[in-house]
Amino acid sequence: MSEPLEAVTWPLHTERLLLRRATAADEDALWSYRRLVEVSRWGSWHAQDRADFHAILLPRLRDQLVVEHEGRVVGDLMVKVEDAWAQREVRDRGRDVQAELGWALAPAATGQGFATEAVREVIRTCFSDLGLRRVTANAFADNEASCRLAERVGMRRESYCVGESLHRDLGWVDSVGYALLASEWVGRTSGPAT
C-alpha cells in the first residue's frame, strides 16, 4: 500500500519557502528547535532527550514535512491523511479523504509569515494534488498562536471542548478543533502571507 504523500511531486515551492518530505537526515535540524520548551509547550509530545526524540521522530516521518527558508529548516508540518468516519456500507468512500494538519516553527522564524505561507501551501496541496475533501487541525484552546494561524488560513472553528485535553503541565484544559472543506477553498488564492 502506498503512502498518501507519495502522490505529490516534492518539493513544493512558495514565494519564500521550500516544503519537502522529512527524512531521518533532518533529525538534527528538527531537534534544534523541537527540544525547546517554547516549541513543545503546546505540541502533542516533548522528547525527554535526544534518544527519545529519535524514537518519536522515526515513526512520524511518513506524515512529516520540513519547511526550509534560504536552505535552512525553519519548521515542520504534519499532514496525516486519514479516513473519514463512515458507516460500514460506505466505508470505502471514506478512505483517505481528509488530513489532520499540525505545525511547529523555530522561534527565530516566527513573526515573518512563514507558518501562514507554509500552511496555505499544504492546504492547497491537500485539495489540489491529493484530492482530499477536508482538512482539520486541533489545538489546546490557550494556544493562541495556533488558533490565530488556523483562522488566518481560512479554517473555521468547529468545536470548543471544555476540560477535554490533558496537558502535561496544566492538567485538564480546553481544546479547539478547526476544519476546512475543499468546497470552501475553491476560488481562494494563496495571496501574500500575513
Protein backbone atom coordinates (compact mmCIF):
# COMPACT_ATOMS: atom_id res chain seq x y z
CA MET A 1 0.00 0.00 0.00
CA SER A 2 1.47 3.36 -0.99
CA GLU A 3 1.80 6.30 1.34
CA PRO A 4 -0.63 9.14 0.51
CA LEU A 5 2.06 11.83 0.38
CA GLU A 6 3.89 9.88 -2.35
CA ALA A 7 1.25 11.17 -4.78
CA VAL A 8 2.72 14.68 -4.57
CA THR A 9 5.69 15.85 -6.62
CA TRP A 10 8.13 17.12 -4.00
CA PRO A 11 9.48 19.63 -3.17
CA LEU A 12 6.83 22.35 -3.17
CA HIS A 13 7.83 25.96 -3.59
CA THR A 14 6.13 29.10 -2.31
CA GLU A 15 7.31 32.65 -2.69
CA ARG A 16 9.92 32.25 0.06
CA LEU A 17 9.81 28.64 1.20
CA LEU A 18 10.57 25.10 0.12
CA LEU A 19 8.43 22.29 1.56
CA ARG A 20 9.57 18.69 1.28
CA ARG A 21 9.13 15.31 2.92
CA ALA A 22 11.10 14.96 6.14
CA THR A 23 13.80 12.31 6.29
CA ALA A 24 15.94 10.84 9.06
CA ALA A 25 18.71 13.22 7.89
CA ASP A 26 16.58 16.14 9.18
CA GLU A 27 16.77 14.93 12.77
CA ASP A 28 19.49 17.39 13.86
CA ALA A 29 17.68 20.39 12.37
CA LEU A 30 14.34 19.39 13.89
CA TRP A 31 15.92 18.64 17.28
CA SER A 32 17.47 22.12 17.37
CA TYR A 33 14.04 23.73 17.93
CA ARG A 34 11.70 20.85 18.80
CA ARG A 35 13.63 20.33 22.06
CA LEU A 36 12.83 23.89 23.21
CA VAL A 37 10.09 24.24 25.82
CA GLU A 38 8.54 27.21 24.00
CA VAL A 39 8.06 24.99 20.93
CA SER A 40 6.94 21.79 22.66
CA ARG A 41 4.70 23.53 25.23
CA TRP A 42 1.58 23.19 23.06
CA GLY A 43 2.60 20.19 20.97
CA SER A 44 1.42 16.65 21.49
CA TRP A 45 4.88 15.46 22.55
CA HIS A 46 8.07 16.67 24.18
CA ALA A 47 11.15 14.49 23.92
CA GLN A 48 12.89 13.78 27.21
CA ASP A 49 16.29 13.62 25.50
CA ARG A 50 17.88 13.05 22.10
CA ALA A 51 17.32 9.28 22.17
CA ASP A 52 13.63 9.81 22.98
CA PHE A 53 13.39 12.35 20.15
CA HIS A 54 14.86 9.82 17.72
CA ALA A 55 12.36 7.18 18.83
CA ILE A 56 9.43 9.61 18.46
CA LEU A 57 10.52 11.05 15.12
CA LEU A 58 11.17 7.94 13.03
CA PRO A 59 7.59 6.59 13.01
CA ARG A 60 6.29 10.10 12.28
CA LEU A 61 8.37 10.65 9.14
CA ARG A 62 5.60 9.19 6.98
CA ASP A 63 3.45 12.26 7.70
CA GLN A 64 6.12 14.95 8.27
CA LEU A 65 7.24 17.75 6.01
CA VAL A 66 10.03 20.21 6.65
CA VAL A 67 9.86 23.90 5.84
CA GLU A 68 13.05 25.47 4.52
CA HIS A 69 13.90 29.14 4.10
CA GLU A 70 17.12 30.01 2.29
CA GLY A 71 18.33 26.41 2.66
CA ARG A 72 17.71 26.15 6.43
CA VAL A 73 14.98 24.14 8.14
CA VAL A 74 12.76 26.66 9.97
CA GLY A 75 9.77 24.47 10.76
CA ASP A 76 7.85 21.29 10.16
CA LEU A 77 4.33 20.30 9.27
CA MET A 78 2.30 17.17 9.84
CA VAL A 79 -0.04 16.07 7.05
CA LYS A 80 -1.71 12.92 8.33
CA VAL A 81 -4.04 11.61 5.64
CA GLU A 82 -6.80 9.57 7.22
CA ASP A 83 -10.21 8.04 6.74
CA ALA A 84 -13.42 9.92 7.46
CA TRP A 85 -15.87 8.43 9.91
CA ALA A 86 -18.28 6.42 7.78
CA GLN A 87 -20.91 3.79 8.11
CA ARG A 88 -19.93 0.27 7.11
CA GLU A 89 -21.83 0.30 3.82
CA VAL A 90 -19.95 3.36 2.52
CA ARG A 91 -16.65 2.94 4.36
CA ASP A 92 -14.69 2.51 1.13
CA ARG A 93 -15.79 6.02 0.01
CA GLY A 94 -14.45 7.46 3.23
CA ARG A 95 -10.89 6.13 2.90
CA ASP A 96 -8.04 8.65 2.74
CA VAL A 97 -10.33 11.63 2.14
CA GLN A 98 -9.13 14.02 4.82
CA ALA A 99 -5.99 15.11 6.60
CA GLU A 100 -5.14 16.31 10.07
CA LEU A 101 -2.61 19.14 9.96
CA GLY A 102 -0.10 20.19 12.59
CA TRP A 103 2.77 22.66 12.66
CA ALA A 104 5.81 23.82 14.57
CA LEU A 105 8.19 26.65 13.81
CA ALA A 106 11.64 27.51 15.15
CA PRO A 107 11.34 30.58 17.43
CA ALA A 108 13.82 32.54 15.29
CA ALA A 109 11.49 32.10 12.30
CA THR A 110 8.26 33.30 13.94
CA GLY A 111 6.62 36.61 13.14
CA GLN A 112 7.64 36.56 9.46
CA GLY A 113 4.58 34.89 7.93
CA PHE A 114 6.40 31.62 7.25
CA ALA A 115 3.83 29.46 9.05
CA THR A 116 0.94 31.10 7.18
CA GLU A 117 2.70 30.69 3.85
CA ALA A 118 3.58 27.04 4.52
CA VAL A 119 0.17 26.01 5.85
CA ARG A 120 -1.63 27.68 2.94
CA GLU A 121 0.54 25.70 0.52
CA VAL A 122 -0.13 22.47 2.40
CA ILE A 123 -3.88 23.11 2.29
CA ARG A 124 -3.67 23.82 -1.44
CA THR A 125 -1.72 20.58 -1.88
CA CYS A 126 -4.24 18.59 0.15
CA PHE A 127 -7.13 19.77 -2.00
CA SER A 128 -5.47 20.14 -5.42
CA ASP A 129 -2.79 17.45 -5.52
CA LEU A 130 -4.15 14.84 -3.11
CA GLY A 131 -7.83 15.41 -3.91
CA LEU A 132 -8.87 15.42 -0.26
CA ARG A 133 -12.25 16.77 0.76
CA ARG A 134 -11.43 18.10 4.25
CA VAL A 135 -8.52 19.22 6.45
CA THR A 136 -8.58 19.57 10.22
CA ALA A 137 -6.36 20.94 12.97
CA ASN A 138 -6.68 20.62 16.73
CA ALA A 139 -5.11 22.70 19.49
CA PHE A 140 -5.22 23.46 23.15
CA ALA A 141 -7.58 26.45 23.45
CA ASP A 142 -4.89 28.55 25.14
CA ASN A 143 -2.50 28.05 22.20
CA GLU A 144 -3.40 31.44 20.77
CA ALA A 145 -0.73 31.42 18.04
CA SER A 146 -2.02 28.15 16.53
CA CYS A 147 -5.63 29.28 16.78
CA ARG A 148 -4.82 32.55 15.00
CA LEU A 149 -2.91 30.66 12.30
CA ALA A 150 -5.79 28.24 11.68
CA GLU A 151 -8.18 31.17 11.33
CA ARG A 152 -5.76 33.17 9.17
CA VAL A 153 -5.58 30.37 6.59
CA GLY A 154 -9.37 30.18 6.44
CA MET A 155 -10.15 27.29 8.76
CA ARG A 156 -13.37 27.52 10.75
CA ARG A 157 -13.59 26.71 14.43
CA GLU A 158 -15.90 23.72 14.63
CA SER A 159 -15.54 22.74 18.25
CA TYR A 160 -14.67 24.07 21.65
CA CYS A 161 -14.36 21.27 24.21
CA VAL A 162 -14.24 22.13 27.91
CA GLY A 163 -11.71 20.25 30.04
CA GLU A 164 -11.28 17.65 27.29
CA SER A 165 -7.49 17.56 26.80
CA LEU A 166 -4.81 16.58 29.27
CA HIS A 167 -1.76 18.87 29.17
CA ARG A 168 1.48 17.58 30.70
CA ASP A 169 1.93 20.72 32.85
CA LEU A 170 -1.52 22.32 33.08
CA GLY A 171 -3.73 19.31 33.72
CA TRP A 172 -7.16 19.11 32.08
CA VAL A 173 -7.64 22.06 29.73
CA ASP A 174 -9.98 23.16 26.95
CA SER A 175 -9.32 22.30 23.31
CA VAL A 176 -10.48 23.58 19.94
CA GLY A 177 -10.97 21.94 16.58
CA TYR A 178 -10.70 23.63 13.19
CA ALA A 179 -11.62 22.40 9.72
CA LEU A 180 -11.89 23.46 6.10
CA LEU A 181 -13.63 21.73 3.19
CA ALA A 182 -12.30 21.62 -0.35
CA SER A 183 -15.53 23.29 -1.50
CA GLU A 184 -14.77 26.24 0.82
CA TRP A 185 -11.23 26.52 -0.54
CA VAL A 186 -12.29 26.71 -4.20
CA GLY A 187 -11.72 30.15 -5.65
CA ARG A 188 -9.28 31.20 -2.96
CA THR A 189 -5.75 32.21 -3.81
CA SER A 190 -2.75 31.82 -1.57
CA GLY A 191 -2.12 35.58 -1.68
CA PRO A 192 0.61 37.20 0.35
CA ALA A 193 1.44 35.76 3.75
CA THR A 194 0.06 37.86 6.60
